[in-house]
Amino acid sequence: MGEFWPVPDALTYLAGRWRAERTVRDLASEGTGEFSGTTVFGPLEGGGLLHRESGTFVWQSVPRPAERTLRFLPGSSPGTVDVRFADGRPFHDLDLTSGRHVADHPCSADVYRGEFTVLDEDHWRTLWRVRGPAKDLVLTTDYAREG
């Protein structure tokens, strides 16, 4: 991959509406899936952004609706983010000031390692590698700004 696009303030960069295209590979079963939808980062009361993702997830040729909500709160240093689940539990930190960030999230016995890369002012990508006794997955999501 080429150069990264440094982002001085992640919340400012992420605000708005994004097209989200995700591939999911289960390395254990060799199953594959795809998500196609929209991610909206809207204002959150008290500061930060409410991340709402909705679309269709197709797994083994079976489509079903899918959605998730996260809270992107101002981080501990300028321009960074404290990402939380909808219920307020911590998920991971996010610092895009270099255009790239790696974060870990333990989930029971599994570990999620996310790599976030900003490609330009209107495109960014996440790559989550999930390893553990329950999961062996690679999830890649490409985001493109809408409007």
C-alpha atoms as a PDB file:
ATOM      1  CA  MET A   1       0.000   0.000   0.000  1.00  0.00           C
ATOM      2  CA  GLY A   2       1.179   3.530  -0.709  1.00  0.00           C
ATOM      3  CA  GLU A   3       1.372   6.533   1.539  1.00  0.00           C
ATOM      4  CA  PHE A   4      -1.109   7.196   4.296  1.00  0.00           C
ATOM      5  CA  TRP A   5      -3.161  10.375   4.578  1.00  0.00           C
ATOM      6  CA  PRO A   6      -2.540  12.017   7.993  1.00  0.00           C
ATOM      7  CA  VAL A   7      -5.698  13.225   9.746  1.00  0.00           C
ATOM      8  CA  PRO A   8      -5.203  15.928  12.405  1.00  0.00           C
ATOM      9  CA  ASP A   9      -8.659  15.346  13.950  1.00  0.00           C
ATOM     10  CA  ALA A  10     -10.334  11.949  13.488  1.00  0.00           C
ATOM     11  CA  LEU A  11     -13.800  13.122  14.590  1.00  0.00           C
ATOM     12  CA  THR A  12     -13.794  15.960  12.048  1.00  0.00           C
ATOM     13  CA  TYR A  13     -12.603  13.611   9.296  1.00  0.00           C
ATOM     14  CA  LEU A  14     -15.151  10.873  10.040  1.00  0.00           C
ATOM     15  CA  ALA A  15     -18.222  13.114  10.397  1.00  0.00           C
ATOM     16  CA  GLY A  16     -20.791  12.504   7.674  1.00  0.00           C
ATOM     17  CA  ARG A  17     -22.045   9.650   5.545  1.00  0.00           C
ATOM     18  CA  TRP A  18     -19.904   6.822   4.125  1.00  0.00           C
ATOM     19  CA  ARG A  19     -20.529   3.890   1.801  1.00  0.00           C
ATOM     20  CA  ALA A  20     -19.238   0.720   3.507  1.00  0.00           C
ATOM     21  CA  GLU A  21     -18.217  -2.454   1.665  1.00  0.00           C
ATOM     22  CA  ARG A  22     -16.908  -5.319   3.832  1.00  0.00           C
ATOM     23  CA  THR A  23     -15.576  -8.776   3.077  1.00  0.00           C
ATOM     24  CA  VAL A  24     -15.490 -11.426   5.777  1.00  0.00           C
ATOM     25  CA  ARG A  25     -13.342 -14.534   5.526  1.00  0.00           C
ATOM     26  CA  ASP A  26     -13.559 -17.371   8.047  1.00  0.00           C
ATOM     27  CA  LEU A  27     -10.135 -18.975   7.773  1.00  0.00           C
ATOM     28  CA  ALA A  28     -11.216 -22.050   9.755  1.00  0.00           C
ATOM     29  CA  SER A  29     -14.247 -22.993   7.637  1.00  0.00           C
ATOM     30  CA  GLU A  30     -13.182 -21.159   4.461  1.00  0.00           C
ATOM     31  CA  GLY A  31     -16.593 -19.463   4.520  1.00  0.00           C
ATOM     32  CA  THR A  32     -16.962 -15.994   3.044  1.00  0.00           C
ATOM     33  CA  GLY A  33     -19.408 -13.173   3.438  1.00  0.00           C
ATOM     34  CA  GLU A  34     -19.989  -9.618   2.330  1.00  0.00           C
ATOM     35  CA  PHE A  35     -21.588  -6.572   3.905  1.00  0.00           C
ATOM     36  CA  SER A  36     -22.808  -3.645   1.846  1.00  0.00           C
ATOM     37  CA  GLY A  37     -24.353  -0.590   3.432  1.00  0.00           C
ATOM     38  CA  THR A  38     -23.966   2.868   4.880  1.00  0.00           C
ATOM     39  CA  THR A  39     -22.129   4.204   7.896  1.00  0.00           C
ATOM     40  CA  VAL A  40     -23.262   7.548   9.275  1.00  0.00           C
ATOM     41  CA  PHE A  41     -21.210   9.483  11.834  1.00  0.00           C
ATOM     42  CA  GLY A  42     -23.655  11.996  13.314  1.00  0.00           C
ATOM     43  CA  PRO A  43     -23.414  14.376  16.264  1.00  0.00           C
ATOM     44  CA  LEU A  44     -23.569  12.802  19.706  1.00  0.00           C
ATOM     45  CA  GLU A  45     -25.074  14.735  22.591  1.00  0.00           C
ATOM     46  CA  GLY A  46     -22.273  15.808  24.899  1.00  0.00           C
ATOM     47  CA  GLY A  47     -19.620  15.663  22.144  1.00  0.00           C
ATOM     48  CA  GLY A  48     -18.297  13.067  19.771  1.00  0.00           C
ATOM     49  CA  LEU A  49     -20.054  11.109  17.046  1.00  0.00           C
ATOM     50  CA  LEU A  50     -22.682   8.385  16.949  1.00  0.00           C
ATOM     51  CA  HIS A  51     -21.626   5.733  14.416  1.00  0.00           C
ATOM     52  CA  ARG A  52     -24.604   3.950  12.844  1.00  0.00           C
ATOM     53  CA  GLU A  53     -23.985   1.241  10.291  1.00  0.00           C
ATOM     54  CA  SER A  54     -26.794  -0.463   8.401  1.00  0.00           C
ATOM     55  CA  GLY A  55     -27.025  -2.625   5.320  1.00  0.00           C
ATOM     56  CA  THR A  56     -27.161  -6.208   4.141  1.00  0.00           C
ATOM     57  CA  PHE A  57     -24.825  -8.994   5.201  1.00  0.00           C
ATOM     58  CA  VAL A  58     -24.627 -12.021   2.891  1.00  0.00           C
ATOM     59  CA  TRP A  59     -23.122 -15.156   4.468  1.00  0.00           C
ATOM     60  CA  GLN A  60     -22.947 -18.412   2.490  1.00  0.00           C
ATOM     61  CA  SER A  61     -25.374 -16.889  -0.081  1.00  0.00           C
ATOM     62  CA  VAL A  62     -27.985 -15.988   2.577  1.00  0.00           C
ATOM     63  CA  PRO A  63     -28.729 -12.234   2.832  1.00  0.00           C
ATOM     64  CA  ARG A  64     -29.921 -10.696   6.097  1.00  0.00           C
ATOM     65  CA  PRO A  65     -30.200  -7.149   7.445  1.00  0.00           C
ATOM     66  CA  ALA A  66     -27.284  -6.032   9.610  1.00  0.00           C
ATOM     67  CA  GLU A  67     -26.645  -3.003  11.772  1.00  0.00           C
ATOM     68  CA  ARG A  68     -24.444  -1.793  14.586  1.00  0.00           C
ATOM     69  CA  THR A  69     -24.011   1.339  16.639  1.00  0.00           C
ATOM     70  CA  LEU A  70     -20.818   2.664  18.223  1.00  0.00           C
ATOM     71  CA  ARG A  71     -19.899   5.838  20.091  1.00  0.00           C
ATOM     72  CA  PHE A  72     -16.834   7.798  18.952  1.00  0.00           C
ATOM     73  CA  LEU A  73     -15.842  10.067  21.846  1.00  0.00           C
ATOM     74  CA  PRO A  74     -13.005  12.605  22.072  1.00  0.00           C
ATOM     75  CA  GLY A  75      -9.804  10.754  23.015  1.00  0.00           C
ATOM     76  CA  SER A  76      -7.169  11.480  25.639  1.00  0.00           C
ATOM     77  CA  SER A  77      -5.052  13.589  23.290  1.00  0.00           C
ATOM     78  CA  PRO A  78      -6.104  16.124  20.614  1.00  0.00           C
ATOM     79  CA  GLY A  79      -7.489  14.609  17.417  1.00  0.00           C
ATOM     80  CA  THR A  80      -7.831  11.085  18.840  1.00  0.00           C
ATOM     81  CA  VAL A  81     -10.931   9.010  19.551  1.00  0.00           C
ATOM     82  CA  ASP A  82     -12.135   6.713  22.330  1.00  0.00           C
ATOM     83  CA  VAL A  83     -14.371   4.184  20.529  1.00  0.00           C
ATOM     84  CA  ARG A  84     -17.085   2.592  22.658  1.00  0.00           C
ATOM     85  CA  PHE A  85     -19.849   0.086  22.089  1.00  0.00           C
ATOM     86  CA  ALA A  86     -23.418   1.437  22.101  1.00  0.00           C
ATOM     87  CA  ASP A  87     -23.769   0.497  25.787  1.00  0.00           C
ATOM     88  CA  GLY A  88     -20.647   2.466  26.744  1.00  0.00           C
ATOM     89  CA  ARG A  89     -18.184  -0.426  27.149  1.00  0.00           C
ATOM     90  CA  PRO A  90     -14.682   0.357  25.811  1.00  0.00           C
ATOM     91  CA  PHE A  91     -13.859  -0.982  22.334  1.00  0.00           C
ATOM     92  CA  HIS A  92     -10.571   0.591  21.180  1.00  0.00           C
ATOM     93  CA  ASP A  93      -8.674   3.828  20.775  1.00  0.00           C
ATOM     94  CA  LEU A  94      -8.175   5.523  17.402  1.00  0.00           C
ATOM     95  CA  ASP A  95      -5.392   7.917  16.403  1.00  0.00           C
ATOM     96  CA  LEU A  96      -5.271   8.804  12.712  1.00  0.00           C
ATOM     97  CA  THR A  97      -2.738  11.634  12.996  1.00  0.00           C
ATOM     98  CA  SER A  98      -0.206   9.559  11.013  1.00  0.00           C
ATOM     99  CA  GLY A  99      -2.912   8.188   8.677  1.00  0.00           C
ATOM    100  CA  ARG A 100      -2.551   4.695  10.169  1.00  0.00           C
ATOM    101  CA  HIS A 101      -3.436   3.140  13.533  1.00  0.00           C
ATOM    102  CA  VAL A 102      -3.403  -0.346  15.060  1.00  0.00           C
ATOM    103  CA  ALA A 103      -5.676  -1.235  17.987  1.00  0.00           C
ATOM    104  CA  ASP A 104      -6.336  -4.425  19.943  1.00  0.00           C
ATOM    105  CA  HIS A 105      -9.576  -5.506  21.600  1.00  0.00           C
ATOM    106  CA  PRO A 106      -9.825  -8.661  23.724  1.00  0.00           C
ATOM    107  CA  CYS A 107     -13.209 -10.396  23.492  1.00  0.00           C
ATOM    108  CA  SER A 108     -13.456 -13.384  25.838  1.00  0.00           C
ATOM    109  CA  ALA A 109     -10.605 -15.656  24.716  1.00  0.00           C
ATOM    110  CA  ASP A 110     -10.437 -14.096  21.230  1.00  0.00           C
ATOM    111  CA  VAL A 111      -8.328 -11.065  20.272  1.00  0.00           C
ATOM    112  CA  TYR A 112      -9.377  -8.525  17.666  1.00  0.00           C
ATOM    113  CA  ARG A 113      -6.540  -6.551  16.053  1.00  0.00           C
ATOM    114  CA  GLY A 114      -7.687  -3.657  13.901  1.00  0.00           C
ATOM    115  CA  GLU A 115      -5.606  -1.731  11.411  1.00  0.00           C
ATOM    116  CA  PHE A 116      -7.045   1.592  10.270  1.00  0.00           C
ATOM    117  CA  THR A 117      -5.623   3.353   7.231  1.00  0.00           C
ATOM    118  CA  VAL A 118      -6.671   6.653   5.688  1.00  0.00           C
ATOM    119  CA  LEU A 119      -6.120   6.577   1.930  1.00  0.00           C
ATOM    120  CA  ASP A 120      -7.199  10.143   1.092  1.00  0.00           C
ATOM    121  CA  GLU A 121      -9.757  12.754   2.114  1.00  0.00           C
ATOM    122  CA  ASP A 122     -12.679  10.549   0.993  1.00  0.00           C
ATOM    123  CA  HIS A 123     -11.463   6.936   1.502  1.00  0.00           C
ATOM    124  CA  TRP A 124     -10.338   4.872   4.478  1.00  0.00           C
ATOM    125  CA  ARG A 125     -10.079   1.192   5.342  1.00  0.00           C
ATOM    126  CA  THR A 126     -10.263  -1.066   8.363  1.00  0.00           C
ATOM    127  CA  LEU A 127      -8.763  -4.544   8.523  1.00  0.00           C
ATOM    128  CA  TRP A 128      -9.716  -6.625  11.552  1.00  0.00           C
ATOM    129  CA  ARG A 129      -7.910  -9.893  12.230  1.00  0.00           C
ATOM    130  CA  VAL A 130      -9.736 -11.997  14.821  1.00  0.00           C
ATOM    131  CA  ARG A 131      -7.918 -14.932  16.417  1.00  0.00           C
ATOM    132  CA  GLY A 132      -8.776 -17.262  19.250  1.00  0.00           C
ATOM    133  CA  PRO A 133     -10.468 -20.500  20.147  1.00  0.00           C
ATOM    134  CA  ALA A 134     -13.873 -19.325  18.893  1.00  0.00           C
ATOM    135  CA  LYS A 135     -12.887 -17.328  15.789  1.00  0.00           C
ATOM    136  CA  ASP A 136     -10.350 -17.129  12.975  1.00  0.00           C
ATOM    137  CA  LEU A 137     -11.552 -14.268  10.787  1.00  0.00           C
ATOM    138  CA  VAL A 138     -10.370 -11.471   8.524  1.00  0.00           C
ATOM    139  CA  LEU A 139     -12.768  -8.560   8.044  1.00  0.00           C
ATOM    140  CA  THR A 140     -11.823  -5.838   5.537  1.00  0.00           C
ATOM    141  CA  THR A 141     -14.010  -2.752   5.143  1.00  0.00           C
ATOM    142  CA  ASP A 142     -13.550   0.003   2.573  1.00  0.00           C
ATOM    143  CA  TYR A 143     -15.269   3.325   3.223  1.00  0.00           C
ATOM    144  CA  ALA A 144     -15.993   5.980   0.599  1.00  0.00           C
ATOM    145  CA  ARG A 145     -17.470   9.353   1.528  1.00  0.00           C
ATOM    146  CA  GLU A 146     -20.933  10.020   0.108  1.00  0.00           C
ATOM    147  CA  GLY A 147     -22.010  13.465  -1.020  1.00  0.00           C
END
